[in-house]
Every structure is written in structure tokens, then in C-alpha cells.
């Protein structure tokens, strides 16, 4: 049985755990990751939404930063949502508060869609899905530049809101806040590759 870790330092941890458990239907064990050594025990990892500067600081203080980088470079599937997307990026446009991990060849605009009060939902055409996906955006970032190896999966207007580069699946929205399990199922299929 696959073991999937959800970075449990801050953010939508329990929501991702529950969404993954529903999507996996008993075929995966989902655990919170809080301390060194736990990432190595997992076959895949989720970096949830939350407050990116806080998560960045907690990653450093917990000693998980290098383990996370090593997991990504080893090819472990990683799902990064909202703040997680900011963390895995190469660069954050006009912002020096967050030092991204540089795992994915993308440039991010933090809070691209405005403050929390301007949160919204949108029907997305997501590459690989046969019908629109209703996505929840909360103080969301957007991908403003993608590298050559990055596949764009969905947009809101001109803004890229879902992308994939090898084992990294990055989303500006929160799939854990809907009953639609298709995004988590895409992530689970990455374990089979």
C-alpha cells in the first residue's frame, strides 16, 4: 500500500488527508509529515495551501527542507497547491519574503488574484479531464512564466493555474475544498508511473 505524506506544518492539512483518502478508496495510507525522516517513508507528498512565508520558515526550522528537495529530485510525485505552488517555484515575482525551493521551472506572482476577500470559484478546462473542474481560489497565486519542460494544464484568462513538470503537479487552487476527486486521482496515478 502506498504511503502519501501531507506536509503538516500549517494550512489545509486535514482537508488534503480526507480528500486523498476518498480518492484512494483504501489503496493508500495518508499521513501527516512534521519531522525529519518521515518524507523518506512516503512514496508521494502533498504541499498544502496555507501562508507561504509561514510554511517556508517552518520548513527551515523543522529541518525538512533538504529532505523535501531530495524527494522531489528523486522523482517522488509531489502535489503542490496554492502556498505549496509558491514554495516549489524557481522565482517569486516582486517578493523577497519567500525563498522558494527552486524545484519547478516556473515564476510565480503571489496573490495574483487579489486579497482573501476576492477569493472565487471558476470552472476550469483541465488538460486530461473530460469535463470542467470547479476550482476554489483563495488569495491565489498564478504562474506567470513557465520553462520549456513545464506542461500547462489549466488557465484562468491568461494566468496559468495548473501545471506539471515531470513528478511535480502544481495548482494555484484548492482541490481539497471540493467533493470532486479528479485532481487527487490524477496525482495518485502519478504513483503508477
Protein backbone atom coordinates (compact mmCIF):
# COMPACT_ATOMS: atom_id res chain seq x y z
CA UNK A 1 0.00 0.00 0.00
CA UNK A 2 1.36 3.41 -0.99
CA UNK A 3 2.11 5.89 1.77
CA UNK A 4 1.35 9.53 0.95
CA UNK A 5 2.62 12.29 3.18
CA UNK A 6 0.91 15.66 3.64
CA UNK A 7 3.27 18.36 4.90
CA UNK A 8 1.59 19.15 8.22
CA UNK A 9 3.29 22.36 9.31
CA UNK A 10 0.42 24.76 8.54
CA UNK A 11 -2.52 25.07 6.14
CA UNK A 12 -5.15 22.73 4.69
CA UNK A 13 -3.65 19.54 6.11
CA UNK A 14 -6.74 17.65 7.31
CA UNK A 15 -8.67 18.64 4.18
CA UNK A 16 -5.98 17.11 1.93
CA UNK A 17 -5.79 13.98 4.09
CA UNK A 18 -9.56 13.46 3.81
CA UNK A 19 -9.64 14.23 0.06
CA UNK A 20 -6.78 11.81 -0.62
CA UNK A 21 -8.38 9.10 1.49
CA UNK A 22 -11.61 9.48 -0.53
CA UNK A 23 -9.73 9.48 -3.87
CA UNK A 24 -7.55 6.49 -2.93
CA UNK A 25 -10.52 4.44 -1.71
CA UNK A 26 -8.41 2.37 0.70
CA UNK A 27 -5.47 1.88 -1.69
CA UNK A 28 -3.15 4.35 0.07
CA UNK A 29 -2.26 5.36 3.59
CA UNK A 30 -2.23 9.14 4.12
CA UNK A 31 -0.10 10.56 6.93
CA UNK A 32 0.92 13.97 8.24
CA UNK A 33 4.62 14.86 7.86
CA UNK A 34 6.06 17.04 10.62
CA UNK A 35 9.61 15.91 11.34
CA UNK A 36 12.76 14.67 9.62
CA UNK A 37 12.72 11.07 8.45
CA UNK A 38 9.02 10.98 7.62
CA UNK A 39 9.35 12.16 3.98
CA UNK A 40 11.68 9.24 3.22
CA UNK A 41 8.95 6.82 4.38
CA UNK A 42 6.46 8.20 1.82
CA UNK A 43 6.06 7.36 -1.86
CA UNK A 44 4.41 10.74 -2.61
CA UNK A 45 3.99 14.09 -0.92
CA UNK A 46 1.46 16.95 -0.77
CA UNK A 47 2.46 20.55 -0.03
CA UNK A 48 -0.84 22.15 1.02
CA UNK A 49 -2.13 25.68 0.79
CA UNK A 50 -1.67 27.99 3.74
CA UNK A 51 0.54 31.02 4.31
CA UNK A 52 3.69 30.59 2.22
CA UNK A 53 6.03 32.72 4.37
CA UNK A 54 4.99 30.79 7.49
CA UNK A 55 5.37 27.41 5.80
CA UNK A 56 8.77 28.44 4.43
CA UNK A 57 10.01 29.41 7.92
CA UNK A 58 8.61 26.24 9.46
CA UNK A 59 10.24 24.09 6.76
CA UNK A 60 13.61 25.61 7.67
CA UNK A 61 13.15 25.30 11.43
CA UNK A 62 11.82 21.72 11.20
CA UNK A 63 14.81 20.52 9.18
CA UNK A 64 12.60 19.22 6.36
CA UNK A 65 13.83 21.48 3.54
CA UNK A 66 16.66 19.27 2.30
CA UNK A 67 14.56 16.09 2.61
CA UNK A 68 11.81 17.73 0.56
CA UNK A 69 14.27 18.80 -2.13
CA UNK A 70 15.81 15.31 -2.22
CA UNK A 71 12.35 13.73 -2.55
CA UNK A 72 11.49 15.97 -5.49
CA UNK A 73 14.81 15.33 -7.22
CA UNK A 74 14.44 11.56 -6.70
CA UNK A 75 11.20 11.60 -8.68
CA UNK A 76 8.65 11.22 -5.87
CA UNK A 77 5.30 12.62 -7.01
CA UNK A 78 4.58 15.95 -5.32
CA UNK A 79 1.26 17.81 -5.39
CA UNK A 80 1.73 21.49 -4.51
CA UNK A 81 -1.38 23.60 -4.00
CA UNK A 82 -1.57 27.40 -3.54
CA UNK A 83 1.20 28.16 -0.98
CA UNK A 84 2.82 24.85 -1.95
CA UNK A 85 2.94 26.13 -5.54
CA UNK A 86 4.78 29.24 -4.33
CA UNK A 87 7.28 27.07 -2.40
CA UNK A 88 8.26 24.80 -5.30
CA UNK A 89 8.70 27.64 -7.78
CA UNK A 90 12.01 28.89 -9.17
CA UNK A 91 11.18 32.54 -8.51
CA UNK A 92 8.51 34.69 -6.83
CA UNK A 93 7.87 37.88 -8.80
CA UNK A 94 8.47 41.09 -6.83
CA UNK A 95 8.61 39.36 -3.44
CA UNK A 96 11.58 38.67 -1.21
CA UNK A 97 9.63 37.34 1.79
CA UNK A 98 9.55 33.76 0.49
CA UNK A 99 12.64 31.91 -0.61
CA UNK A 100 11.26 29.30 -3.00
CA UNK A 101 12.85 25.86 -3.20
CA UNK A 102 13.55 26.12 -6.94
CA UNK A 103 12.13 22.69 -7.75
CA UNK A 104 9.92 23.63 -10.72
CA UNK A 105 10.87 25.85 -13.65
CA UNK A 106 8.14 28.42 -13.05
CA UNK A 107 7.88 32.03 -11.92
CA UNK A 108 5.03 32.89 -9.56
CA UNK A 109 3.01 36.01 -8.89
CA UNK A 110 1.91 35.76 -5.25
CA UNK A 111 -1.68 36.81 -4.50
CA UNK A 112 -2.17 37.32 -8.25
CA UNK A 113 -5.95 37.35 -7.92
CA UNK A 114 -6.10 39.80 -5.02
CA UNK A 115 -6.60 39.54 -1.26
CA UNK A 116 -8.62 36.88 0.54
CA UNK A 117 -11.89 38.82 0.23
CA UNK A 118 -11.54 38.47 -3.55
CA UNK A 119 -11.47 34.67 -3.40
CA UNK A 120 -13.56 33.00 -6.09
CA UNK A 121 -14.57 29.78 -7.82
CA UNK A 122 -14.17 29.07 -11.54
CA UNK A 123 -14.93 26.24 -13.95
CA UNK A 124 -11.61 25.19 -15.46
CA UNK A 125 -10.84 23.22 -18.57
CA UNK A 126 -8.08 20.99 -17.18
CA UNK A 127 -5.97 19.02 -19.63
CA UNK A 128 -6.73 15.33 -19.10
CA UNK A 129 -10.23 15.84 -17.64
CA UNK A 130 -13.30 15.24 -19.80
CA UNK A 131 -15.48 17.92 -18.20
CA UNK A 132 -14.90 21.24 -16.38
CA UNK A 133 -13.43 21.21 -12.89
CA UNK A 134 -14.93 23.66 -10.37
CA UNK A 135 -11.87 25.16 -8.68
CA UNK A 136 -11.70 27.17 -5.45
CA UNK A 137 -9.19 30.06 -5.42
CA UNK A 138 -8.31 31.67 -2.07
CA UNK A 139 -5.83 34.58 -2.18
CA UNK A 140 -4.34 32.60 -5.02
CA UNK A 141 -1.01 32.84 -6.76
CA UNK A 142 -0.64 32.41 -10.52
CA UNK A 143 2.16 31.08 -12.66
CA UNK A 144 3.37 33.98 -14.80
CA UNK A 145 6.24 32.19 -16.60
CA UNK A 146 6.85 28.53 -17.43
CA UNK A 147 10.02 26.79 -18.55
CA UNK A 148 10.32 24.53 -21.58
CA UNK A 149 9.71 21.29 -19.65
CA UNK A 150 6.57 22.58 -17.93
CA UNK A 151 3.20 21.44 -19.28
CA UNK A 152 0.37 23.94 -18.77
CA UNK A 153 -2.80 22.11 -17.63
CA UNK A 154 -5.26 24.97 -16.97
CA UNK A 155 -5.65 28.75 -17.14
CA UNK A 156 -7.92 31.47 -15.83
CA UNK A 157 -7.79 34.04 -18.60
CA UNK A 158 -4.08 34.37 -19.40
CA UNK A 159 -2.93 33.22 -15.96
CA UNK A 160 -1.62 29.66 -15.66
CA UNK A 161 -3.26 27.99 -12.63
CA UNK A 162 -2.26 24.33 -13.10
CA UNK A 163 0.96 22.90 -14.49
CA UNK A 164 3.09 19.78 -14.41
CA UNK A 165 6.81 19.20 -14.73
CA UNK A 166 7.76 15.52 -14.52
CA UNK A 167 6.85 14.42 -10.96
CA UNK A 168 5.62 17.86 -9.83
CA UNK A 169 1.92 18.80 -10.10
CA UNK A 170 1.36 22.46 -9.20
CA UNK A 171 -2.01 24.14 -8.65
CA UNK A 172 -2.99 27.71 -7.75
CA UNK A 173 -6.33 26.43 -6.40
CA UNK A 174 -7.55 24.13 -3.62
CA UNK A 175 -8.77 20.71 -4.84
CA UNK A 176 -9.10 19.58 -1.23
CA UNK A 177 -12.03 22.00 -0.72
CA UNK A 178 -14.32 20.31 -3.25
CA UNK A 179 -16.02 16.92 -3.43
CA UNK A 180 -14.57 16.39 -6.93
CA UNK A 181 -11.74 13.84 -6.50
CA UNK A 182 -10.42 14.02 -10.09
CA UNK A 183 -7.37 16.19 -9.35
CA UNK A 184 -6.31 13.96 -6.44
CA UNK A 185 -6.88 10.93 -8.70
CA UNK A 186 -4.51 12.45 -11.30
CA UNK A 187 -1.94 12.81 -8.52
CA UNK A 188 -2.47 9.22 -7.34
CA UNK A 189 -1.93 7.97 -10.91
CA UNK A 190 1.49 9.64 -10.85
CA UNK A 191 2.48 6.94 -8.32
CA UNK A 192 1.98 4.32 -11.04
CA UNK A 193 4.40 5.98 -13.49
